[in-house]
Amino acid sequence: MHCDVSLGDFAKRKHHSMRSVAGLAILALDDSSRRRTLSLYLLARLAQCAYNSAKSKNRFHFWGSHWRHGDALLFSVASAQIMYAFVMRPESLPKSYRDFIQKTGPVAEPVYKAVRDSCRGGHVDLIGLSAYFANKKNSNLINLTRSPSIIPCSVIHPDRASCLAHNVTVTSSTFKKTFPLYFSLTFVPFVVLRLQKFLESPAATCWRALVGAVRSTTFLSAFVTLFQSAICLHRKVASKDHKLVYWFGGLLSGLSILLENKARRAELALYVLPRAGESLWYILINRHLLPNIKNAEVGLFCMCMGGIMYFLEYEPDTMAPFLRGLIRRFLASKITNPSPPPNRNASYSYLQTLNVLEQSKTHPTPENGLPTSETYTLESIPGL
């Protein structure tokens, strides 16, 4: 028995090492920032698996772990870091992600630069701002000094003198800009992943896609409006700017996730979490609060790959269905249900592959009440 357990532990350690070594494939990417992004994305998914596993076994819990809006809290915290980084440390975000936020929002990049310089106590580029506001009908830079304590609302939204009117315009303009994107993101999966249902009832499928797109677009419009409202409100009550205003503005705007479908909240939170982590990683290294270890993202990716493949094999229910199906489709192989019957020792499956146990012992009969192992194929994965 001791030998069996030792062999089983050795097999698990060996397989875990092989899974981790497979993560070295990330070295095929030359861009370290892309490697870091993928590593942090995998880390977020691994944390999700570990949390679900521990929670299902009643291993631990913390404040908010049983709160039905825990996903909204996670999204809000991640959004706070992202919006702070977008305003104060834009270089810490991927360029494509930064461009998306810039195009979706109502404030121009020169204005954000002026806000950044003002918060840091530096000099504002008045010449650059004047060139930008040359065609703005309500622009007013007369009272703006070179080192202002705060950038006023008249500079942030020069087209509207009223903050309320500006925020109403922000809501409608954001909806118009992002609805085509969200409709395509909602409609395409309905057709690709559920082609049979689409062919049977195309009108119903289009309607569900339309409702989902409207809901998601409303969420994003509310996010942008809440962030802009927080900035305007701060300028109504304060005479000096502070960088933490934009962190708390992101925290407040993250509450707009409550408008989204409950099933999508966790996925959206796990989507923004790696970007928030990447930004925080960059800032901490830049401030010398973390050591700048070369190729640290490669080691992190290898560790996370080993963990993800472990949960896929032994505890697949802890993974998000979409991620589980995506990995299985990528591997294109049959995966055996890893849950062993309760009276089999840990090394059973390993010894079975080596044909060490006798046939009568390795194949229990139905009369013994032992369930046979269940085989998963690609066709059995929901949604694929």
Protein backbone atom coordinates (compact mmCIF):
# COMPACT_ATOMS: atom_id res chain seq x y z
CA MET A 1 0.00 0.00 0.00
CA HIS A 2 2.83 2.39 0.87
CA CYS A 3 4.48 1.59 -2.46
CA ASP A 4 1.21 2.27 -4.31
CA VAL A 5 0.82 5.67 -2.67
CA SER A 6 4.43 6.55 -3.36
CA LEU A 7 4.07 5.61 -7.01
CA GLY A 8 0.89 7.65 -7.24
CA ASP A 9 2.51 10.71 -5.70
CA PHE A 10 5.50 10.33 -8.00
CA ALA A 11 3.22 10.08 -11.02
CA LYS A 12 1.31 13.22 -10.03
CA ARG A 13 4.51 15.16 -9.46
CA LYS A 14 5.88 13.94 -12.79
CA HIS A 15 2.73 14.89 -14.67
CA HIS A 16 2.60 18.29 -12.97
CA SER A 17 6.21 18.95 -13.96
CA MET A 18 5.46 17.99 -17.56
CA ARG A 19 2.48 20.35 -17.64
CA SER A 20 4.59 23.18 -16.26
CA VAL A 21 7.43 22.57 -18.71
CA ALA A 22 4.90 22.79 -21.55
CA GLY A 23 4.40 26.40 -20.51
CA LEU A 24 7.85 27.22 -21.90
CA ALA A 25 6.12 27.43 -25.27
CA ILE A 26 5.33 31.03 -24.34
CA LEU A 27 8.94 31.86 -25.19
CA ALA A 28 7.79 31.76 -28.82
CA LEU A 29 6.40 35.25 -28.14
CA ASP A 30 9.16 37.83 -28.40
CA ASP A 31 7.17 40.62 -26.77
CA SER A 32 7.57 40.44 -22.99
CA SER A 33 4.46 42.58 -22.45
CA ARG A 34 2.33 40.05 -24.33
CA ARG A 35 3.87 37.24 -22.30
CA ARG A 36 3.06 39.14 -19.13
CA THR A 37 -0.53 39.69 -20.24
CA LEU A 38 -1.05 35.99 -20.98
CA SER A 39 0.62 34.97 -17.72
CA LEU A 40 -1.62 37.21 -15.65
CA TYR A 41 -4.70 36.04 -17.55
CA LEU A 42 -3.80 32.44 -16.75
CA LEU A 43 -3.09 33.39 -13.13
CA ALA A 44 -6.58 34.87 -12.81
CA ARG A 45 -8.10 31.67 -14.19
CA LEU A 46 -5.97 29.54 -11.88
CA ALA A 47 -7.07 31.63 -8.90
CA GLN A 48 -10.68 31.06 -9.96
CA CYS A 49 -10.14 27.29 -10.06
CA ALA A 50 -8.35 27.25 -6.70
CA TYR A 51 -11.06 29.38 -5.10
CA ASN A 52 -13.89 27.21 -6.46
CA SER A 53 -12.07 24.06 -5.35
CA ALA A 54 -11.45 25.32 -1.82
CA LYS A 55 -14.97 26.68 -1.49
CA SER A 56 -16.54 23.39 -2.62
CA LYS A 57 -14.53 21.55 0.06
CA ASN A 58 -15.26 24.15 2.76
CA ARG A 59 -11.53 24.73 3.16
CA PHE A 60 -11.78 28.46 3.78
CA HIS A 61 -13.89 31.52 3.24
CA PHE A 62 -13.35 35.24 3.57
CA TRP A 63 -15.50 38.33 3.65
CA GLY A 64 -17.56 38.50 0.51
CA SER A 65 -16.92 34.89 -0.52
CA HIS A 66 -20.59 34.05 -0.03
CA TRP A 67 -21.82 37.45 -1.16
CA ARG A 68 -23.90 37.23 -4.28
CA HIS A 69 -22.27 40.39 -5.66
CA GLY A 70 -18.67 39.33 -5.09
CA ASP A 71 -18.07 39.39 -8.84
CA ALA A 72 -19.20 43.03 -8.94
CA LEU A 73 -16.79 43.87 -6.13
CA LEU A 74 -13.91 42.24 -8.01
CA PHE A 75 -14.83 44.09 -11.20
CA SER A 76 -15.02 47.43 -9.36
CA VAL A 77 -11.60 47.02 -7.74
CA ALA A 78 -10.03 46.02 -11.07
CA SER A 79 -11.76 48.95 -12.80
CA ALA A 80 -10.41 51.33 -10.16
CA GLN A 81 -6.84 50.29 -10.92
CA ILE A 82 -7.40 50.45 -14.69
CA MET A 83 -8.95 53.92 -14.68
CA TYR A 84 -6.27 55.23 -12.32
CA ALA A 85 -3.63 53.82 -14.65
CA PHE A 86 -5.38 55.23 -17.72
CA VAL A 87 -5.31 58.77 -16.32
CA MET A 88 -2.08 58.79 -14.30
CA ARG A 89 0.07 55.98 -15.73
CA PRO A 90 -1.19 55.24 -19.26
CA GLU A 91 2.09 53.57 -20.24
CA SER A 92 1.27 50.74 -17.81
CA LEU A 93 -1.67 49.60 -19.97
CA PRO A 94 -1.46 47.82 -23.34
CA LYS A 95 -1.75 50.31 -26.19
CA SER A 96 -4.75 48.60 -27.78
CA TYR A 97 -6.62 48.61 -24.47
CA ARG A 98 -5.65 52.23 -23.85
CA ASP A 99 -6.87 53.24 -27.30
CA PHE A 100 -10.20 51.48 -26.71
CA ILE A 101 -10.79 53.42 -23.48
CA GLN A 102 -9.77 56.67 -25.16
CA LYS A 103 -12.13 56.19 -28.11
CA THR A 104 -15.01 55.13 -25.89
CA GLY A 105 -14.68 58.01 -23.44
CA PRO A 106 -15.60 61.68 -24.03
CA VAL A 107 -12.37 63.37 -22.90
CA ALA A 108 -9.52 64.06 -25.32
CA GLU A 109 -5.96 62.85 -24.72
CA PRO A 110 -4.45 66.39 -24.39
CA VAL A 111 -6.88 67.08 -21.56
CA TYR A 112 -5.87 63.90 -19.74
CA LYS A 113 -2.25 64.94 -20.12
CA ALA A 114 -3.07 68.32 -18.56
CA VAL A 115 -4.85 66.57 -15.68
CA ARG A 116 -1.84 64.32 -15.19
CA ASP A 117 0.58 67.24 -15.14
CA SER A 118 -1.65 69.16 -12.74
CA CYS A 119 -1.89 66.26 -10.27
CA ARG A 120 1.89 65.88 -10.30
CA GLY A 121 2.42 69.58 -9.67
CA GLY A 122 4.04 70.13 -13.05
CA HIS A 123 3.51 72.69 -15.79
CA VAL A 124 0.51 72.33 -18.10
CA ASP A 125 1.12 72.63 -21.83
CA LEU A 126 -1.10 75.66 -22.49
CA ILE A 127 0.07 75.97 -26.09
CA GLY A 128 -0.94 72.40 -26.86
CA LEU A 129 -4.30 72.86 -25.14
CA SER A 130 -4.94 76.11 -27.03
CA ALA A 131 -4.27 74.34 -30.33
CA TYR A 132 -6.68 71.56 -29.41
CA PHE A 133 -9.42 73.95 -28.27
CA ALA A 134 -9.07 76.24 -31.28
CA ASN A 135 -12.20 74.80 -32.88
CA LYS A 136 -14.21 74.42 -29.67
CA LYS A 137 -17.01 76.95 -29.42
CA ASN A 138 -17.21 77.15 -25.62
CA SER A 139 -13.56 76.67 -24.71
CA ASN A 140 -12.25 78.92 -21.95
CA LEU A 141 -8.55 78.87 -21.10
CA ILE A 142 -8.30 82.50 -19.99
CA ASN A 143 -8.21 81.76 -16.25
CA LEU A 144 -6.06 78.64 -16.56
CA THR A 145 -2.54 79.21 -15.27
CA ARG A 146 0.50 77.23 -16.25
CA SER A 147 0.49 75.35 -12.93
CA PRO A 148 -3.20 75.04 -11.98
CA SER A 149 -4.24 73.22 -8.82
CA ILE A 150 -7.08 71.56 -10.74
CA ILE A 151 -8.25 71.37 -14.36
CA PRO A 152 -11.81 72.83 -14.43
CA CYS A 153 -14.85 71.32 -16.09
CA SER A 154 -14.75 74.00 -18.78
CA VAL A 155 -11.58 72.36 -20.08
CA ILE A 156 -12.69 68.76 -19.57
CA HIS A 157 -15.94 69.19 -21.51
CA PRO A 158 -15.66 72.43 -23.51
CA ASP A 159 -18.63 71.65 -25.75
CA ARG A 160 -21.12 71.78 -22.86
CA ALA A 161 -21.15 74.39 -20.11
CA SER A 162 -23.50 72.28 -17.99
CA CYS A 163 -22.08 69.12 -16.40
CA LEU A 164 -25.54 67.52 -16.39
CA ALA A 165 -26.10 68.19 -20.08
CA HIS A 166 -22.61 66.88 -20.81
CA ASN A 167 -23.19 63.61 -18.96
CA VAL A 168 -26.50 63.04 -20.73
CA THR A 169 -24.68 63.51 -24.03
CA VAL A 170 -21.95 61.13 -22.87
CA THR A 171 -24.51 58.39 -22.22
CA SER A 172 -26.14 58.64 -25.64
CA SER A 173 -22.91 59.05 -27.60
CA THR A 174 -21.25 56.09 -25.85
CA PHE A 175 -24.28 53.93 -26.60
CA LYS A 176 -24.19 54.86 -30.29
CA LYS A 177 -20.46 54.21 -30.56
CA THR A 178 -20.39 50.82 -28.83
CA PHE A 179 -23.70 49.20 -29.81
CA PRO A 180 -22.46 47.86 -33.20
CA LEU A 181 -19.46 46.29 -31.47
CA TYR A 182 -21.50 44.62 -28.75
CA PHE A 183 -24.14 43.41 -31.18
CA SER A 184 -21.51 41.65 -33.28
CA LEU A 185 -19.89 40.18 -30.16
CA THR A 186 -23.27 38.88 -29.01
CA PHE A 187 -24.69 37.76 -32.34
CA VAL A 188 -21.67 35.85 -33.70
CA PRO A 189 -21.39 33.40 -30.75
CA PHE A 190 -25.11 32.66 -31.03
CA VAL A 191 -24.62 31.67 -34.67
CA VAL A 192 -21.25 29.90 -34.41
CA LEU A 193 -21.80 27.96 -31.18
CA ARG A 194 -25.52 27.33 -31.62
CA LEU A 195 -25.87 27.03 -35.36
CA GLN A 196 -28.61 24.40 -35.18
CA LYS A 197 -30.79 26.57 -32.94
CA PHE A 198 -30.16 29.56 -35.18
CA LEU A 199 -31.30 27.63 -38.25
CA GLU A 200 -34.40 26.41 -36.42
CA SER A 201 -35.45 29.82 -35.08
CA PRO A 202 -33.42 32.69 -36.57
CA ALA A 203 -35.84 35.37 -35.38
CA ALA A 204 -35.66 34.25 -31.75
CA THR A 205 -31.87 34.04 -31.92
CA CYS A 206 -31.59 37.54 -33.35
CA TRP A 207 -33.92 38.85 -30.66
CA ARG A 208 -31.85 37.30 -27.85
CA ALA A 209 -28.69 38.72 -29.40
CA LEU A 210 -30.32 42.16 -29.66
CA VAL A 211 -31.44 42.11 -26.01
CA GLY A 212 -27.98 41.01 -24.89
CA ALA A 213 -26.30 43.72 -26.96
CA VAL A 214 -28.59 46.45 -25.58
CA ARG A 215 -27.92 45.30 -22.02
CA SER A 216 -24.14 45.18 -22.48
CA THR A 217 -24.08 48.55 -24.24
CA THR A 218 -26.14 50.09 -21.45
CA PHE A 219 -23.63 48.75 -18.94
CA LEU A 220 -20.68 50.31 -20.76
CA SER A 221 -22.52 53.61 -21.25
CA ALA A 222 -23.29 53.73 -17.53
CA PHE A 223 -19.65 52.96 -16.74
CA VAL A 224 -18.39 55.91 -18.79
CA THR A 225 -21.08 58.25 -17.45
CA LEU A 226 -20.42 57.37 -13.80
CA PHE A 227 -16.69 57.96 -14.20
CA GLN A 228 -17.26 61.30 -15.91
CA SER A 229 -19.83 62.30 -13.27
CA ALA A 230 -17.37 61.51 -10.47
CA ILE A 231 -14.79 63.80 -12.08
CA CYS A 232 -17.30 66.64 -12.47
CA LEU A 233 -18.61 66.21 -8.92
CA HIS A 234 -15.11 66.42 -7.48
CA ARG A 235 -14.54 69.71 -9.27
CA LYS A 236 -17.73 71.12 -7.77
CA VAL A 237 -16.59 70.52 -4.18
CA ALA A 238 -12.78 70.69 -4.30
CA SER A 239 -10.23 73.25 -5.39
CA LYS A 240 -7.25 70.90 -5.65
CA ASP A 241 -6.91 67.75 -7.72
CA HIS A 242 -5.61 64.43 -6.43
CA LYS A 243 -4.66 61.27 -8.29
CA LEU A 244 -6.74 59.02 -6.00
CA VAL A 245 -9.89 60.74 -7.31
CA TYR A 246 -9.53 58.71 -10.49
CA TRP A 247 -9.04 55.47 -8.56
CA PHE A 248 -12.26 56.01 -6.62
CA GLY A 249 -13.97 57.17 -9.81
CA GLY A 250 -13.13 53.83 -11.38
CA LEU A 251 -14.36 52.03 -8.26
CA LEU A 252 -17.70 53.84 -8.48
CA SER A 253 -18.11 53.32 -12.22
CA GLY A 254 -17.43 49.60 -11.76
CA LEU A 255 -20.79 49.29 -10.02
CA SER A 256 -22.37 49.59 -13.46
CA ILE A 257 -21.60 45.87 -13.85
CA LEU A 258 -24.80 45.27 -11.87
CA LEU A 259 -26.69 46.17 -15.06
CA GLU A 260 -25.12 43.19 -16.82
CA ASN A 261 -26.43 39.66 -16.85
CA LYS A 262 -25.36 37.77 -13.71
CA ALA A 263 -23.79 35.01 -15.79
CA ARG A 264 -21.48 37.52 -17.52
CA ARG A 265 -20.29 39.43 -14.47
CA ALA A 266 -17.64 36.95 -13.36
CA GLU A 267 -16.31 36.64 -16.92
CA LEU A 268 -16.05 40.42 -17.27
CA ALA A 269 -14.33 40.66 -13.89
CA LEU A 270 -11.79 38.02 -14.92
CA TYR A 271 -11.32 39.85 -18.23
CA VAL A 272 -10.30 43.16 -16.65
CA LEU A 273 -8.45 41.66 -13.68
CA PRO A 274 -5.29 40.64 -15.64
CA ARG A 275 -5.05 44.13 -17.14
CA ALA A 276 -5.34 45.68 -13.71
CA GLY A 277 -2.70 43.27 -12.44
CA GLU A 278 -0.39 44.07 -15.33
CA SER A 279 -0.70 47.79 -14.64
CA LEU A 280 -0.07 47.31 -10.92
CA TRP A 281 2.93 45.07 -11.69
CA TYR A 282 4.43 47.75 -13.93
CA ILE A 283 3.88 50.52 -11.38
CA LEU A 284 5.34 48.55 -8.46
CA ILE A 285 8.44 47.64 -10.46
CA ASN A 286 8.81 51.21 -11.66
CA ARG A 287 8.68 52.44 -8.06
CA HIS A 288 11.19 49.74 -7.01
CA LEU A 289 8.66 48.07 -4.72
CA LEU A 290 9.05 44.80 -6.63
CA PRO A 291 12.28 43.35 -8.03
CA ASN A 292 12.56 43.47 -11.80
CA ILE A 293 13.32 39.80 -12.48
CA LYS A 294 14.08 39.03 -16.10
CA ASN A 295 11.60 36.60 -17.71
CA ALA A 296 9.58 36.39 -14.48
CA GLU A 297 6.45 36.17 -16.61
CA VAL A 298 7.75 32.94 -18.17
CA GLY A 299 8.09 31.26 -14.77
CA LEU A 300 4.65 32.53 -13.78
CA PHE A 301 3.12 31.19 -16.99
CA CYS A 302 4.72 27.76 -16.49
CA MET A 303 3.43 27.55 -12.92
CA CYS A 304 -0.07 28.61 -13.96
CA MET A 305 -0.09 26.20 -16.91
CA GLY A 306 0.72 23.31 -14.59
CA GLY A 307 -2.05 24.35 -12.22
CA ILE A 308 -4.64 24.85 -14.97
CA MET A 309 -3.94 21.45 -16.51
CA TYR A 310 -4.11 19.85 -13.06
CA PHE A 311 -7.58 21.26 -12.46
CA LEU A 312 -8.64 20.31 -15.99
CA GLU A 313 -7.69 16.69 -15.32
CA TYR A 314 -8.68 16.23 -11.69
CA GLU A 315 -11.26 18.93 -10.90
CA PRO A 316 -12.74 20.13 -14.21
CA ASP A 317 -15.90 21.43 -12.54
CA THR A 318 -13.88 24.21 -10.91
CA MET A 319 -13.13 25.76 -14.30
CA ALA A 320 -15.37 28.09 -16.24
CA PRO A 321 -17.31 26.05 -18.85
CA PHE A 322 -16.10 28.22 -21.72
CA LEU A 323 -12.43 27.88 -20.74
CA ARG A 324 -12.78 24.16 -20.12
CA GLY A 325 -14.41 23.64 -23.50
CA LEU A 326 -11.84 25.84 -25.24
CA ILE A 327 -8.89 23.89 -23.83
CA ARG A 328 -10.47 20.54 -24.63
CA ARG A 329 -11.23 21.62 -28.16
CA PHE A 330 -7.65 22.82 -28.53
CA LEU A 331 -6.24 19.55 -27.24
CA ALA A 332 -8.71 17.63 -29.45
CA SER A 333 -8.43 14.52 -27.31
CA LYS A 334 -10.59 12.47 -25.02
CA ILE A 335 -10.29 13.35 -21.36
CA THR A 336 -11.25 10.75 -18.81
CA ASN A 337 -13.26 11.78 -15.79
CA PRO A 338 -10.64 11.95 -13.06
CA SER A 339 -12.98 11.36 -10.12
CA PRO A 340 -12.00 7.94 -8.72
CA PRO A 341 -14.39 5.73 -6.78
CA PRO A 342 -13.97 6.23 -3.04
CA ASN A 343 -12.36 2.83 -2.34
CA ARG A 344 -9.58 3.14 -4.94
CA ASN A 345 -6.18 4.33 -3.77
CA ALA A 346 -4.44 7.37 -5.22
CA SER A 347 -2.16 5.41 -7.54
CA TYR A 348 -4.89 3.31 -9.11
CA SER A 349 -4.95 4.99 -12.50
CA TYR A 350 -1.16 5.13 -12.68
CA LEU A 351 -0.75 1.41 -11.91
CA GLN A 352 -3.52 0.60 -14.32
CA THR A 353 -1.62 2.18 -17.19
CA LEU A 354 1.41 0.08 -16.31
CA ASN A 355 -0.72 -3.08 -16.15
CA VAL A 356 0.67 -3.89 -12.72
CA LEU A 357 -2.59 -4.80 -11.06
CA GLU A 358 -4.35 -7.97 -12.00
CA GLN A 359 -7.30 -7.81 -14.35
CA SER A 360 -9.74 -8.86 -11.65
CA LYS A 361 -8.64 -6.06 -9.36
CA THR A 362 -8.39 -3.29 -11.90
CA HIS A 363 -11.88 -3.78 -13.36
CA PRO A 364 -14.52 -3.94 -10.61
CA THR A 365 -17.82 -5.44 -11.65
CA PRO A 366 -21.14 -3.64 -11.50
CA GLU A 367 -22.16 -5.98 -8.68
CA ASN A 368 -19.58 -4.36 -6.43
CA GLY A 369 -21.40 -1.06 -6.81
CA LEU A 370 -18.36 0.70 -8.24
CA PRO A 371 -19.14 3.13 -11.03
CA THR A 372 -17.08 2.89 -14.16
CA SER A 373 -15.06 5.89 -15.33
CA GLU A 374 -16.85 8.27 -17.61
CA THR A 375 -15.29 9.45 -20.86
CA TYR A 376 -15.65 13.00 -22.10
CA THR A 377 -15.52 13.75 -25.79
CA LEU A 378 -15.71 17.02 -27.63
CA GLU A 379 -19.32 16.31 -28.50
CA SER A 380 -20.22 16.04 -24.80
CA ILE A 381 -18.99 19.55 -23.96
CA PRO A 382 -21.94 21.92 -23.53
CA GLY A 383 -22.03 24.66 -26.11
CA LEU A 384 -19.51 23.10 -28.50
